[in-house]
Amino acid sequence: MGNKILIADDEQNIVISLEFLMKREGFEVSIAVDGEEAVDRIRSEKPDLVLLDVMMPKKSGFEVCQEVKADPDLAAVKILMLTAKGRDTEVAKGLALGADAYMTKPFSTKELVEKVRSMLAEG
């Protein structure tokens, strides 16, 4: 497989568990702790998929999503937005800005892995 996944989240405990989970699934993982770093890493590393938290310092997940989707070079990067439960407006906004899918926190790890796999399988 060897798919590259970028985890963009400023909550360390979430990053640690997501990183562990994705590595265990055989993915190559990199991490960004704020929106600016996320955009830089997406540009330089061109991951196959980004786990993108909505609430981050410097740039929100929405801004990151918008920038990535507006760049033809990055059009192939899949974005899975992570949003807090019950924030339906965030979900709608994320999808409107071009996010490929979303998960609400807290999510089950099994659910997340299945979602990531199915998104990557779509090519």
PDB file of N, CA and C in Angstrom:
ATOM      1  N   MET A   1       0.836  -1.208   0.000  1.00  0.00           N
ATOM      2  CA  MET A   1       0.000   0.000   0.000  1.00  0.00           C
ATOM      3  C   MET A   1       0.871   1.259   0.000  1.00  0.00           C
ATOM      4  N   GLY A   2       1.398   1.571   1.179  1.00  0.00           N
ATOM      5  CA  GLY A   2       2.288   2.716   1.275  1.00  0.00           C
ATOM      6  C   GLY A   2       1.619   4.055   1.049  1.00  0.00           C
ATOM      7  N   ASN A   3       0.321   4.146   1.320  1.00  0.00           N
ATOM      8  CA  ASN A   3      -0.335   5.440   1.188  1.00  0.00           C
ATOM      9  C   ASN A   3       0.161   6.412   2.258  1.00  0.00           C
ATOM     10  N   LYS A   4       0.266   7.679   1.873  1.00  0.00           N
ATOM     11  CA  LYS A   4       0.716   8.697   2.821  1.00  0.00           C
ATOM     12  C   LYS A   4      -0.471   9.436   3.401  1.00  0.00           C
ATOM     13  N   ILE A   5      -0.478   9.527   4.721  1.00  0.00           N
ATOM     14  CA  ILE A   5      -1.563  10.194   5.425  1.00  0.00           C
ATOM     15  C   ILE A   5      -0.988  11.344   6.234  1.00  0.00           C
ATOM     16  N   LEU A   6      -1.626  12.505   6.132  1.00  0.00           N
ATOM     17  CA  LEU A   6      -1.237  13.624   6.980  1.00  0.00           C
ATOM     18  C   LEU A   6      -2.313  13.796   8.046  1.00  0.00           C
ATOM     19  N   ILE A   7      -1.875  13.841   9.308  1.00  0.00           N
ATOM     20  CA  ILE A   7      -2.795  14.092  10.411  1.00  0.00           C
ATOM     21  C   ILE A   7      -2.626  15.552  10.812  1.00  0.00           C
ATOM     22  N   ALA A   8      -3.683  16.335  10.657  1.00  0.00           N
ATOM     23  CA  ALA A   8      -3.620  17.751  11.021  1.00  0.00           C
ATOM     24  C   ALA A   8      -4.586  18.005  12.172  1.00  0.00           C
ATOM     25  N   ASP A   9      -4.019  18.098  13.370  1.00  0.00           N
ATOM     26  CA  ASP A   9      -4.840  18.288  14.567  1.00  0.00           C
ATOM     27  C   ASP A   9      -3.947  18.892  15.647  1.00  0.00           C
ATOM     28  N   ASP A  10      -4.498  19.788  16.455  1.00  0.00           N
ATOM     29  CA  ASP A  10      -3.672  20.414  17.490  1.00  0.00           C
ATOM     30  C   ASP A  10      -3.829  19.747  18.852  1.00  0.00           C
ATOM     31  N   GLU A  11      -4.655  18.707  18.929  1.00  0.00           N
ATOM     32  CA  GLU A  11      -4.811  18.004  20.208  1.00  0.00           C
ATOM     33  C   GLU A  11      -3.887  16.794  20.235  1.00  0.00           C
ATOM     34  N   GLN A  12      -2.867  16.890  21.074  1.00  0.00           N
ATOM     35  CA  GLN A  12      -1.804  15.891  21.054  1.00  0.00           C
ATOM     36  C   GLN A  12      -2.292  14.469  21.277  1.00  0.00           C
ATOM     37  N   ASN A  13      -3.253  14.300  22.204  1.00  0.00           N
ATOM     38  CA  ASN A  13      -3.718  12.930  22.484  1.00  0.00           C
ATOM     39  C   ASN A  13      -4.414  12.322  21.261  1.00  0.00           C
ATOM     40  N   ILE A  14      -5.101  13.155  20.495  1.00  0.00           N
ATOM     41  CA  ILE A  14      -5.751  12.662  19.279  1.00  0.00           C
ATOM     42  C   ILE A  14      -4.695  12.305  18.234  1.00  0.00           C
ATOM     43  N   VAL A  15      -3.719  13.187  18.082  1.00  0.00           N
ATOM     44  CA  VAL A  15      -2.636  12.940  17.114  1.00  0.00           C
ATOM     45  C   VAL A  15      -1.937  11.618  17.426  1.00  0.00           C
ATOM     46  N   ILE A  16      -1.606  11.406  18.691  1.00  0.00           N
ATOM     47  CA  ILE A  16      -0.892  10.189  19.095  1.00  0.00           C
ATOM     48  C   ILE A  16      -1.708   8.942  18.757  1.00  0.00           C
ATOM     49  N   SER A  17      -3.004   8.970  19.086  1.00  0.00           N
ATOM     50  CA  SER A  17      -3.800   7.772  18.813  1.00  0.00           C
ATOM     51  C   SER A  17      -4.024   7.569  17.314  1.00  0.00           C
ATOM     52  N   LEU A  18      -4.236   8.661  16.573  1.00  0.00           N
ATOM     53  CA  LEU A  18      -4.421   8.528  15.121  1.00  0.00           C
ATOM     54  C   LEU A  18      -3.146   8.032  14.445  1.00  0.00           C
ATOM     55  N   GLU A  19      -2.010   8.575  14.895  1.00  0.00           N
ATOM     56  CA  GLU A  19      -0.729   8.168  14.309  1.00  0.00           C
ATOM     57  C   GLU A  19      -0.491   6.674  14.532  1.00  0.00           C
ATOM     58  N   PHE A  20      -0.731   6.236  15.761  1.00  0.00           N
ATOM     59  CA  PHE A  20      -0.559   4.822  16.091  1.00  0.00           C
ATOM     60  C   PHE A  20      -1.457   3.957  15.202  1.00  0.00           C
ATOM     61  N   LEU A  21      -2.701   4.364  15.109  1.00  0.00           N
ATOM     62  CA  LEU A  21      -3.693   3.622  14.344  1.00  0.00           C
ATOM     63  C   LEU A  21      -3.312   3.523  12.865  1.00  0.00           C
ATOM     64  N   MET A  22      -2.941   4.651  12.267  1.00  0.00           N
ATOM     65  CA  MET A  22      -2.629   4.680  10.833  1.00  0.00           C
ATOM     66  C   MET A  22      -1.340   3.916  10.520  1.00  0.00           C
ATOM     67  N   LYS A  23      -0.352   4.023  11.417  1.00  0.00           N
ATOM     68  CA  LYS A  23       0.893   3.274  11.212  1.00  0.00           C
ATOM     69  C   LYS A  23       0.638   1.782  11.317  1.00  0.00           C
ATOM     70  N   ARG A  24      -0.223   1.418  12.259  1.00  0.00           N
ATOM     71  CA  ARG A  24      -0.557   0.005  12.436  1.00  0.00           C
ATOM     72  C   ARG A  24      -1.235  -0.551  11.176  1.00  0.00           C
ATOM     73  N   GLU A  25      -1.950   0.310  10.482  1.00  0.00           N
ATOM     74  CA  GLU A  25      -2.620  -0.097   9.243  1.00  0.00           C
ATOM     75  C   GLU A  25      -1.664  -0.097   8.051  1.00  0.00           C
ATOM     76  N   GLY A  26      -0.416   0.293   8.292  1.00  0.00           N
ATOM     77  CA  GLY A  26       0.584   0.245   7.230  1.00  0.00           C
ATOM     78  C   GLY A  26       0.728   1.526   6.427  1.00  0.00           C
ATOM     79  N   PHE A  27       0.139   2.615   6.922  1.00  0.00           N
ATOM     80  CA  PHE A  27       0.263   3.889   6.214  1.00  0.00           C
ATOM     81  C   PHE A  27       1.510   4.629   6.658  1.00  0.00           C
ATOM     82  N   GLU A  28       2.005   5.472   5.756  1.00  0.00           N
ATOM     83  CA  GLU A  28       3.099   6.377   6.090  1.00  0.00           C
ATOM     84  C   GLU A  28       2.438   7.628   6.661  1.00  0.00           C
ATOM     85  N   VAL A  29       2.916   8.106   7.808  1.00  0.00           N
ATOM     86  CA  VAL A  29       2.206   9.183   8.492  1.00  0.00           C
ATOM     87  C   VAL A  29       3.080  10.407   8.708  1.00  0.00           C
ATOM     88  N   SER A  30       2.519  11.585   8.443  1.00  0.00           N
ATOM     89  CA  SER A  30       3.171  12.805   8.908  1.00  0.00           C
ATOM     90  C   SER A  30       2.137  13.631   9.651  1.00  0.00           C
ATOM     91  N   ILE A  31       2.638  14.635  10.392  1.00  0.00           N
ATOM     92  CA  ILE A  31       1.778  15.345  11.325  1.00  0.00           C
ATOM     93  C   ILE A  31       1.932  16.851  11.184  1.00  0.00           C
ATOM     94  N   ALA A  32       0.818  17.554  11.297  1.00  0.00           N
ATOM     95  CA  ALA A  32       0.838  19.010  11.356  1.00  0.00           C
ATOM     96  C   ALA A  32      -0.008  19.414  12.558  1.00  0.00           C
ATOM     97  N   VAL A  33       0.479  20.404  13.322  1.00  0.00           N
ATOM     98  CA  VAL A  33      -0.242  20.772  14.542  1.00  0.00           C
ATOM     99  C   VAL A  33      -1.036  22.072  14.403  1.00  0.00           C
ATOM    100  N   ASP A  34      -0.939  22.724  13.242  1.00  0.00           N
ATOM    101  CA  ASP A  34      -1.800  23.877  12.996  1.00  0.00           C
ATOM    102  C   ASP A  34      -2.076  23.976  11.499  1.00  0.00           C
ATOM    103  N   GLY A  35      -2.971  24.874  11.152  1.00  0.00           N
ATOM    104  CA  GLY A  35      -3.419  24.972   9.764  1.00  0.00           C
ATOM    105  C   GLY A  35      -2.342  25.380   8.778  1.00  0.00           C
ATOM    106  N   GLU A  36      -1.459  26.283   9.211  1.00  0.00           N
ATOM    107  CA  GLU A  36      -0.381  26.718   8.309  1.00  0.00           C
ATOM    108  C   GLU A  36       0.551  25.562   7.992  1.00  0.00           C
ATOM    109  N   GLU A  37       0.939  24.850   9.036  1.00  0.00           N
ATOM    110  CA  GLU A  37       1.834  23.704   8.847  1.00  0.00           C
ATOM    111  C   GLU A  37       1.154  22.658   7.962  1.00  0.00           C
ATOM    112  N   ALA A  38      -0.142  22.494   8.148  1.00  0.00           N
ATOM    113  CA  ALA A  38      -0.886  21.521   7.337  1.00  0.00           C
ATOM    114  C   ALA A  38      -0.775  21.868   5.854  1.00  0.00           C
ATOM    115  N   VAL A  39      -1.010  23.122   5.510  1.00  0.00           N
ATOM    116  CA  VAL A  39      -0.929  23.531   4.099  1.00  0.00           C
ATOM    117  C   VAL A  39       0.490  23.319   3.561  1.00  0.00           C
ATOM    118  N   ASP A  40       1.495  23.717   4.346  1.00  0.00           N
ATOM    119  CA  ASP A  40       2.890  23.535   3.918  1.00  0.00           C
ATOM    120  C   ASP A  40       3.203  22.069   3.648  1.00  0.00           C
ATOM    121  N   ARG A  41       2.786  21.215   4.569  1.00  0.00           N
ATOM    122  CA  ARG A  41       3.072  19.783   4.417  1.00  0.00           C
ATOM    123  C   ARG A  41       2.301  19.160   3.254  1.00  0.00           C
ATOM    124  N   ILE A  42       1.077  19.602   3.063  1.00  0.00           N
ATOM    125  CA  ILE A  42       0.297  19.069   1.941  1.00  0.00           C
ATOM    126  C   ILE A  42       0.992  19.442   0.630  1.00  0.00           C
ATOM    127  N   ARG A  43       1.479  20.691   0.554  1.00  0.00           N
ATOM    128  CA  ARG A  43       2.192  21.125  -0.660  1.00  0.00           C
ATOM    129  C   ARG A  43       3.490  20.352  -0.878  1.00  0.00           C
ATOM    130  N   SER A  44       4.252  20.174   0.218  1.00  0.00           N
ATOM    131  CA  SER A  44       5.577  19.557   0.050  1.00  0.00           C
ATOM    132  C   SER A  44       5.515  18.040  -0.037  1.00  0.00           C
ATOM    133  N   GLU A  45       4.564  17.430   0.670  1.00  0.00           N
ATOM    134  CA  GLU A  45       4.548  15.965   0.738  1.00  0.00           C
ATOM    135  C   GLU A  45       3.471  15.315  -0.122  1.00  0.00           C
ATOM    136  N   LYS A  46       2.508  16.104  -0.562  1.00  0.00           N
ATOM    137  CA  LYS A  46       1.384  15.580  -1.354  1.00  0.00           C
ATOM    138  C   LYS A  46       0.864  14.239  -0.823  1.00  0.00           C
ATOM    139  N   PRO A  47       0.304  14.262   0.391  1.00  0.00           N
ATOM    140  CA  PRO A  47      -0.222  13.012   0.952  1.00  0.00           C
ATOM    141  C   PRO A  47      -1.420  12.518   0.136  1.00  0.00           C
ATOM    142  N   ASP A  48      -1.738  11.248   0.270  1.00  0.00           N
ATOM    143  CA  ASP A  48      -2.908  10.711  -0.431  1.00  0.00           C
ATOM    144  C   ASP A  48      -4.188  11.153   0.267  1.00  0.00           C
ATOM    145  N   LEU A  49      -4.091  11.312   1.592  1.00  0.00           N
ATOM    146  CA  LEU A  49      -5.280  11.666   2.358  1.00  0.00           C
ATOM    147  C   LEU A  49      -4.884  12.490   3.573  1.00  0.00           C
ATOM    148  N   VAL A  50      -5.726  13.460   3.908  1.00  0.00           N
ATOM    149  CA  VAL A  50      -5.490  14.292   5.084  1.00  0.00           C
ATOM    150  C   VAL A  50      -6.629  14.103   6.078  1.00  0.00           C
ATOM    151  N   LEU A  51      -6.260  13.786   7.325  1.00  0.00           N
ATOM    152  CA  LEU A  51      -7.234  13.788   8.419  1.00  0.00           C
ATOM    153  C   LEU A  51      -7.168  15.196   8.986  1.00  0.00           C
ATOM    154  N   LEU A  52      -8.175  15.989   8.695  1.00  0.00           N
ATOM    155  CA  LEU A  52      -8.104  17.427   8.943  1.00  0.00           C
ATOM    156  C   LEU A  52      -9.095  17.873  10.008  1.00  0.00           C
ATOM    157  N   ASP A  53      -8.560  18.337  11.130  1.00  0.00           N
ATOM    158  CA  ASP A  53      -9.411  18.834  12.197  1.00  0.00           C
ATOM    159  C   ASP A  53      -9.928  20.222  11.829  1.00  0.00           C
ATOM    160  N   VAL A  54     -11.187  20.501  12.145  1.00  0.00           N
ATOM    161  CA  VAL A  54     -11.758  21.810  11.815  1.00  0.00           C
ATOM    162  C   VAL A  54     -11.145  22.914  12.673  1.00  0.00           C
ATOM    163  N   MET A  55     -11.069  22.670  13.985  1.00  0.00           N
ATOM    164  CA  MET A  55     -10.605  23.709  14.907  1.00  0.00           C
ATOM    165  C   MET A  55      -9.104  23.606  15.143  1.00  0.00           C
ATOM    166  N   MET A  56      -8.355  24.488  14.470  1.00  0.00           N
ATOM    167  CA  MET A  56      -6.896  24.501  14.657  1.00  0.00           C
ATOM    168  C   MET A  56      -6.400  25.931  14.719  1.00  0.00           C
ATOM    169  N   PRO A  57      -5.246  26.141  15.366  1.00  0.00           N
ATOM    170  CA  PRO A  57      -4.664  27.489  15.378  1.00  0.00           C
ATOM    171  C   PRO A  57      -4.140  27.897  13.993  1.00  0.00           C
ATOM    172  N   LYS A  58      -3.921  29.187  13.827  1.00  0.00           N
ATOM    173  CA  LYS A  58      -3.363  29.822  12.611  1.00  0.00           C
ATOM    174  C   LYS A  58      -4.288  29.775  11.405  1.00  0.00           C
ATOM    175  N   LYS A  59      -4.713  28.572  11.022  1.00  0.00           N
ATOM    176  CA  LYS A  59      -5.714  28.446   9.961  1.00  0.00           C
ATOM    177  C   LYS A  59      -6.681  27.351  10.363  1.00  0.00           C
ATOM    178  N   SER A  60      -7.949  27.574  10.124  1.00  0.00           N
ATOM    179  CA  SER A  60      -8.917  26.524  10.448  1.00  0.00           C
ATOM    180  C   SER A  60      -8.863  25.428   9.384  1.00  0.00           C
ATOM    181  N   GLY A  61      -9.469  24.304   9.719  1.00  0.00           N
ATOM    182  CA  GLY A  61      -9.564  23.227   8.741  1.00  0.00           C
ATOM    183  C   GLY A  61     -10.283  23.676   7.477  1.00  0.00           C
ATOM    184  N   PHE A  62     -11.252  24.576   7.648  1.00  0.00           N
ATOM    185  CA  PHE A  62     -11.972  25.092   6.482  1.00  0.00           C
ATOM    186  C   PHE A  62     -11.026  25.826   5.532  1.00  0.00           C
ATOM    187  N   GLU A  63     -10.177  26.691   6.110  1.00  0.00           N
ATOM    188  CA  GLU A  63      -9.238  27.458   5.288  1.00  0.00           C
ATOM    189  C   GLU A  63      -8.247  26.535   4.584  1.00  0.00           C
ATOM    190  N   VAL A  64      -7.777  25.528   5.325  1.00  0.00           N
ATOM    191  CA  VAL A  64      -6.844  24.561   4.741  1.00  0.00           C
ATOM    192  C   VAL A  64      -7.522  23.849   3.568  1.00  0.00           C
ATOM    193  N   CYS A  65      -8.728  23.387   3.794  1.00  0.00           N
ATOM    194  CA  CYS A  65      -9.481  22.661   2.780  1.00  0.00           C
ATOM    195  C   CYS A  65      -9.665  23.518   1.528  1.00  0.00           C
ATOM    196  N   GLN A  66     -10.056  24.767   1.737  1.00  0.00           N
ATOM    197  CA  GLN A  66     -10.300  25.685   0.634  1.00  0.00           C
ATOM    198  C   GLN A  66      -9.030  25.891  -0.187  1.00  0.00           C
ATOM    199  N   GLU A  67      -7.911  26.110   0.505  1.00  0.00           N
ATOM    200  CA  GLU A  67      -6.637  26.338  -0.183  1.00  0.00           C
ATOM    201  C   GLU A  67      -6.214  25.129  -1.000  1.00  0.00           C
ATOM    202  N   VAL A  68      -6.330  23.964  -0.389  1.00  0.00           N
ATOM    203  CA  VAL A  68      -5.910  22.728  -1.050  1.00  0.00           C
ATOM    204  C   VAL A  68      -6.773  22.465  -2.283  1.00  0.00           C
ATOM    205  N   LYS A  69      -8.076  22.598  -2.116  1.00  0.00           N
ATOM    206  CA  LYS A  69      -8.986  22.284  -3.223  1.00  0.00           C
ATOM    207  C   LYS A  69      -8.916  23.318  -4.344  1.00  0.00           C
ATOM    208  N   ALA A  70      -8.421  24.517  -4.028  1.00  0.00           N
ATOM    209  CA  ALA A  70      -8.301  25.552  -5.060  1.00  0.00           C
ATOM    210  C   ALA A  70      -7.021  25.385  -5.878  1.00  0.00           C
ATOM    211  N   ASP A  71      -6.126  24.512  -5.432  1.00  0.00           N
ATOM    212  CA  ASP A  71      -4.837  24.322  -6.101  1.00  0.00           C
ATOM    213  C   ASP A  71      -4.882  23.078  -6.982  1.00  0.00           C
ATOM    214  N   PRO A  72      -4.810  23.266  -8.310  1.00  0.00           N
ATOM    215  CA  PRO A  72      -4.913  22.114  -9.226  1.00  0.00           C
ATOM    216  C   PRO A  72      -3.868  21.030  -8.951  1.00  0.00           C
ATOM    217  N   ASP A  73      -2.694  21.428  -8.463  1.00  0.00           N
ATOM    218  CA  ASP A  73      -1.641  20.450  -8.152  1.00  0.00           C
ATOM    219  C   ASP A  73      -2.045  19.523  -7.006  1.00  0.00           C
ATOM    220  N   LEU A  74      -2.946  19.994  -6.184  1.00  0.00           N
ATOM    221  CA  LEU A  74      -3.300  19.234  -4.976  1.00  0.00           C
ATOM    222  C   LEU A  74      -4.690  18.622  -5.072  1.00  0.00           C
ATOM    223  N   ALA A  75      -5.280  18.712  -6.239  1.00  0.00           N
ATOM    224  CA  ALA A  75      -6.669  18.274  -6.408  1.00  0.00           C
ATOM    225  C   ALA A  75      -6.874  16.808  -6.030  1.00  0.00           C
ATOM    226  N   ALA A  76      -5.842  15.991  -6.186  1.00  0.00           N
ATOM    227  CA  ALA A  76      -5.980  14.553  -5.926  1.00  0.00           C
ATOM    228  C   ALA A  76      -5.955  14.212  -4.435  1.00  0.00           C
ATOM    229  N   VAL A  77      -5.549  15.159  -3.604  1.00  0.00           N
ATOM    230  CA  VAL A  77      -5.457  14.895  -2.169  1.00  0.00           C
ATOM    231  C   VAL A  77      -6.868  14.778  -1.574  1.00  0.00           C
ATOM    232  N   LYS A  78      -7.128  13.656  -0.941  1.00  0.00           N
ATOM    233  CA  LYS A  78      -8.441  13.451  -0.310  1.00  0.00           C
ATOM    234  C   LYS A  78      -8.450  14.094   1.080  1.00  0.00           C
ATOM    235  N   ILE A  79      -9.564  14.714   1.423  1.00  0.00           N
ATOM    236  CA  ILE A  79      -9.659  15.354   2.727  1.00  0.00           C
ATOM    237  C   ILE A  79     -10.814  14.758   3.529  1.00  0.00           C
ATOM    238  N   LEU A  80     -10.442  14.235   4.693  1.00  0.00           N
ATOM    239  CA  LEU A  80     -11.438  13.708   5.629  1.00  0.00           C
ATOM    240  C   LEU A  80     -11.460  14.658   6.815  1.00  0.00           C
ATOM    241  N   MET A  81     -12.544  15.434   6.922  1.00  0.00           N
ATOM    242  CA  MET A  81     -12.621  16.428   7.992  1.00  0.00           C
ATOM    243  C   MET A  81     -13.085  15.800   9.293  1.00  0.00           C
ATOM    244  N   LEU A  82     -12.439  16.220  10.377  1.00  0.00           N
ATOM    245  CA  LEU A  82     -12.813  15.743  11.704  1.00  0.00           C
ATOM    246  C   LEU A  82     -13.496  16.892  12.429  1.00  0.00           C
ATOM    247  N   THR A  83     -14.732  16.695  12.831  1.00  0.00           N
ATOM    248  CA  THR A  83     -15.480  17.761  13.451  1.00  0.00           C
ATOM    249  C   THR A  83     -16.127  17.285  14.744  1.00  0.00           C
ATOM    250  N   ALA A  84     -16.359  18.207  15.654  1.00  0.00           N
ATOM    251  CA  ALA A  84     -16.986  17.839  16.930  1.00  0.00           C
ATOM    252  C   ALA A  84     -18.428  17.420  16.687  1.00  0.00           C
ATOM    253  N   LYS A  85     -18.881  16.500  17.490  1.00  0.00           N
ATOM    254  CA  LYS A  85     -20.242  15.980  17.344  1.00  0.00           C
ATOM    255  C   LYS A  85     -21.290  17.090  17.417  1.00  0.00           C
ATOM    256  N   GLY A  86     -22.308  16.971  16.586  1.00  0.00           N
ATOM    257  CA  GLY A  86     -23.409  17.913  16.656  1.00  0.00           C
ATOM    258  C   GLY A  86     -23.193  19.232  15.952  1.00  0.00           C
ATOM    259  N   ARG A  87     -22.043  19.393  15.312  1.00  0.00           N
ATOM    260  CA  ARG A  87     -21.780  20.640  14.587  1.00  0.00           C
ATOM    261  C   ARG A  87     -22.159  20.457  13.128  1.00  0.00           C
ATOM    262  N   ASP A  88     -23.447  20.348  12.880  1.00  0.00           N
ATOM    263  CA  ASP A  88     -23.891  20.048  11.516  1.00  0.00           C
ATOM    264  C   ASP A  88     -23.535  21.138  10.522  1.00  0.00           C
ATOM    265  N   THR A  89     -23.499  22.388  11.001  1.00  0.00           N
ATOM    266  CA  THR A  89     -23.152  23.480  10.092  1.00  0.00           C
ATOM    267  C   THR A  89     -21.704  23.328   9.623  1.00  0.00           C
ATOM    268  N   GLU A  90     -20.834  22.848  10.527  1.00  0.00           N
ATOM    269  CA  GLU A  90     -19.431  22.628  10.151  1.00  0.00           C
ATOM    270  C   GLU A  90     -19.331  21.567   9.061  1.00  0.00           C
ATOM    271  N   VAL A  91     -20.100  20.518   9.222  1.00  0.00           N
ATOM    272  CA  VAL A  91     -20.089  19.435   8.243  1.00  0.00           C
ATOM    273  C   VAL A  91     -20.498  19.972   6.874  1.00  0.00           C
ATOM    274  N   ALA A  92     -21.604  20.707   6.852  1.00  0.00           N
ATOM    275  CA  ALA A  92     -22.109  21.257   5.589  1.00  0.00           C
ATOM    276  C   ALA A  92     -21.090  22.194   4.962  1.00  0.00           C
ATOM    277  N   LYS A  93     -20.480  23.024   5.791  1.00  0.00           N
ATOM    278  CA  LYS A  93     -19.497  23.987   5.288  1.00  0.00           C
ATOM    279  C   LYS A  93     -18.276  23.265   4.721  1.00  0.00           C
ATOM    280  N   GLY A  94     -17.798  22.259   5.450  1.00  0.00           N
ATOM    281  CA  GLY A  94     -16.638  21.491   4.999  1.00  0.00           C
ATOM    282  C   GLY A  94     -16.886  20.832   3.650  1.00  0.00           C
ATOM    283  N   LEU A  95     -18.043  20.223   3.510  1.00  0.00           N
ATOM    284  CA  LEU A  95     -18.373  19.552   2.247  1.00  0.00           C
ATOM    285  C   LEU A  95     -18.526  20.573   1.115  1.00  0.00           C
ATOM    286  N   ALA A  96     -19.096  21.732   1.455  1.00  0.00           N
ATOM    287  CA  ALA A  96     -19.252  22.784   0.447  1.00  0.00           C
ATOM    288  C   ALA A  96     -17.896  23.290  -0.035  1.00  0.00           C
ATOM    289  N   LEU A  97     -16.911  23.267   0.848  1.00  0.00           N
ATOM    290  CA  LEU A  97     -15.570  23.743   0.483  1.00  0.00           C
ATOM    291  C   LEU A  97     -14.736  22.661  -0.216  1.00  0.00           C
ATOM    292  N   GLY A  98     -15.324  21.491  -0.373  1.00  0.00           N
ATOM    293  CA  GLY A  98     -14.627  20.464  -1.144  1.00  0.00           C
ATOM    294  C   GLY A  98     -14.057  19.299  -0.357  1.00  0.00           C
ATOM    295  N   ALA A  99     -14.334  19.252   0.956  1.00  0.00           N
ATOM    296  CA  ALA A  99     -13.888  18.077   1.720  1.00  0.00           C
ATOM    297  C   ALA A  99     -14.540  16.842   1.106  1.00  0.00           C
ATOM    298  N   ASP A 100     -13.809  15.732   1.099  1.00  0.00           N
ATOM    299  CA  ASP A 100     -14.334  14.514   0.474  1.00  0.00           C
ATOM    300  C   ASP A 100     -15.279  13.759   1.402  1.00  0.00           C
ATOM    301  N   ALA A 101     -15.061  13.904   2.699  1.00  0.00           N
ATOM    302  CA  ALA A 101     -15.889  13.200   3.668  1.00  0.00           C
ATOM    303  C   ALA A 101     -15.627  13.803   5.038  1.00  0.00           C
ATOM    304  N   TYR A 102     -16.386  13.367   6.016  1.00  0.00           N
ATOM    305  CA  TYR A 102     -16.156  13.862   7.367  1.00  0.00           C
ATOM    306  C   TYR A 102     -16.455  12.763   8.377  1.00  0.00           C
ATOM    307  N   MET A 103     -15.876  12.918   9.566  1.00  0.00           N
ATOM    308  CA  MET A 103     -16.202  12.045  10.693  1.00  0.00           C
ATOM    309  C   MET A 103     -16.423  12.971  11.878  1.00  0.00           C
ATOM    310  N   THR A 104     -17.350  12.610  12.753  1.00  0.00           N
ATOM    311  CA  THR A 104     -17.526  13.418  13.951  1.00  0.00           C
ATOM    312  C   THR A 104     -16.805  12.770  15.119  1.00  0.00           C
ATOM    313  N   LYS A 105     -16.169  13.615  15.932  1.00  0.00           N
ATOM    314  CA  LYS A 105     -15.499  13.137  17.138  1.00  0.00           C
ATOM    315  C   LYS A 105     -16.536  13.027  18.249  1.00  0.00           C
ATOM    316  N   PRO A 106     -16.417  12.079  19.142  1.00  0.00           N
ATOM    317  CA  PRO A 106     -15.446  10.974  19.100  1.00  0.00           C
ATOM    318  C   PRO A 106     -15.913   9.905  18.111  1.00  0.00           C
ATOM    319  N   PHE A 107     -14.970   9.319  17.389  1.00  0.00           N
ATOM    320  CA  PHE A 107     -15.329   8.271  16.432  1.00  0.00           C
ATOM    321  C   PHE A 107     -14.678   6.964  16.859  1.00  0.00           C
ATOM    322  N   SER A 108     -15.231   5.868  16.372  1.00  0.00           N
ATOM    323  CA  SER A 108     -14.593   4.587  16.681  1.00  0.00           C
ATOM    324  C   SER A 108     -13.433   4.409  15.709  1.00  0.00           C
ATOM    325  N   THR A 109     -12.356   3.828  16.215  1.00  0.00           N
ATOM    326  CA  THR A 109     -11.166   3.659  15.385  1.00  0.00           C
ATOM    327  C   THR A 109     -11.467   2.759  14.192  1.00  0.00           C
ATOM    328  N   LYS A 110     -12.296   1.760  14.415  1.00  0.00           N
ATOM    329  CA  LYS A 110     -12.648   0.839  13.344  1.00  0.00           C
ATOM    330  C   LYS A 110     -13.356   1.590  12.207  1.00  0.00           C
ATOM    331  N   GLU A 111     -14.273   2.442  12.610  1.00  0.00           N
ATOM    332  CA  GLU A 111     -15.029   3.248  11.652  1.00  0.00           C
ATOM    333  C   GLU A 111     -14.090   4.145  10.839  1.00  0.00           C
ATOM    334  N   LEU A 112     -13.156   4.772  11.549  1.00  0.00           N
ATOM    335  CA  LEU A 112     -12.218   5.676  10.886  1.00  0.00           C
ATOM    336  C   LEU A 112     -11.352   4.929   9.879  1.00  0.00           C
ATOM    337  N   VAL A 113     -10.807   3.791  10.302  1.00  0.00           N
ATOM    338  CA  VAL A 113      -9.955   3.003   9.411  1.00  0.00           C
ATOM    339  C   VAL A 113     -10.735   2.577   8.165  1.00  0.00           C
ATOM    340  N   GLU A 114     -11.955   2.133   8.361  1.00  0.00           N
ATOM    341  CA  GLU A 114     -12.769   1.716   7.214  1.00  0.00           C
ATOM    342  C   GLU A 114     -13.034   2.880   6.256  1.00  0.00           C
ATOM    343  N   LYS A 115     -13.299   4.044   6.831  1.00  0.00           N
ATOM    344  CA  LYS A 115     -13.554   5.246   6.032  1.00  0.00           C
ATOM    345  C   LYS A 115     -12.316   5.604   5.211  1.00  0.00           C
ATOM    346  N   VAL A 116     -11.160   5.625   5.864  1.00  0.00           N
ATOM    347  CA  VAL A 116      -9.909   5.949   5.188  1.00  0.00           C
ATOM    348  C   VAL A 116      -9.644   4.961   4.057  1.00  0.00           C
ATOM    349  N   ARG A 117      -9.785   3.675   4.361  1.00  0.00           N
ATOM    350  CA  ARG A 117      -9.546   2.653   3.336  1.00  0.00           C
ATOM    351  C   ARG A 117     -10.478   2.825   2.141  1.00  0.00           C
ATOM    352  N   SER A 118     -11.762   3.085   2.405  1.00  0.00           N
ATOM    353  CA  SER A 118     -12.698   3.199   1.293  1.00  0.00           C
ATOM    354  C   SER A 118     -12.403   4.464   0.476  1.00  0.00           C
ATOM    355  N   MET A 119     -11.998   5.535   1.125  1.00  0.00           N
ATOM    356  CA  MET A 119     -11.658   6.764   0.393  1.00  0.00           C
ATOM    357  C   MET A 119     -10.438   6.555  -0.491  1.00  0.00           C
ATOM    358  N   LEU A 120      -9.443   5.839   0.023  1.00  0.00           N
ATOM    359  CA  LEU A 120      -8.233   5.590  -0.758  1.00  0.00           C
ATOM    360  C   LEU A 120      -8.516   4.621  -1.905  1.00  0.00           C
ATOM    361  N   ALA A 121      -9.443   3.712  -1.688  1.00  0.00           N
ATOM    362  CA  ALA A 121      -9.785   2.729  -2.729  1.00  0.00           C
ATOM    363  C   ALA A 121     -10.492   3.383  -3.916  1.00  0.00           C
ATOM    364  N   GLU A 122     -11.174   4.504  -3.621  1.00  0.00           N
ATOM    365  CA  GLU A 122     -11.863   5.221  -4.700  1.00  0.00           C
ATOM    366  C   GLU A 122     -10.870   5.831  -5.678  1.00  0.00           C
ATOM    367  N   GLY A 123      -9.614   5.911  -5.255  1.00  0.00           N
ATOM    368  CA  GLY A 123      -8.583   6.466  -6.136  1.00  0.00           C
ATOM    369  C   GLY A 123      -8.706   7.947  -6.204  1.00  0.00           C
TER     370      GLY A 123
END
